[in-house]
Amino acid sequence: MDIPQMTLVSWLVVGAIAGFLASLIMGAREGLVMMVVLGIVGAVVGGWLAADVFKIANVTGINTTSVIVAAVGAVIVIFVVGLLGGRRSTRFGWGH
């Protein structure tokens, strides 16, 4: 997998925005650090899907496309973690 070349600041900014958006969409209740981590992991997942699967260009840097791709990736990550988490899925606002 070829991860786009982004600076640390870009990863953090896009990760924070994407993690925040994904948390809102999925009803997750996470702190700032976890939102950034989810956003960065989501950026990797979304970036791979965008570049290799959907052939979407320009998913580097701080721009609308990158934020949307990262947010979609973060939503996927939150969903998968919720599925695998069992009882811990209530942490993400699901379950009992």
Foldseek 3Di string as FASTA:
>chain_A
DDQDDADPVQLQVLQQLLLVLLLVVQVADDDSVVSSVLLSQLLRQLVCCVCPPVNHPDLYGDDPVVSVSSNVSSNVVLVVCLVVVVVCVVNSVDDD
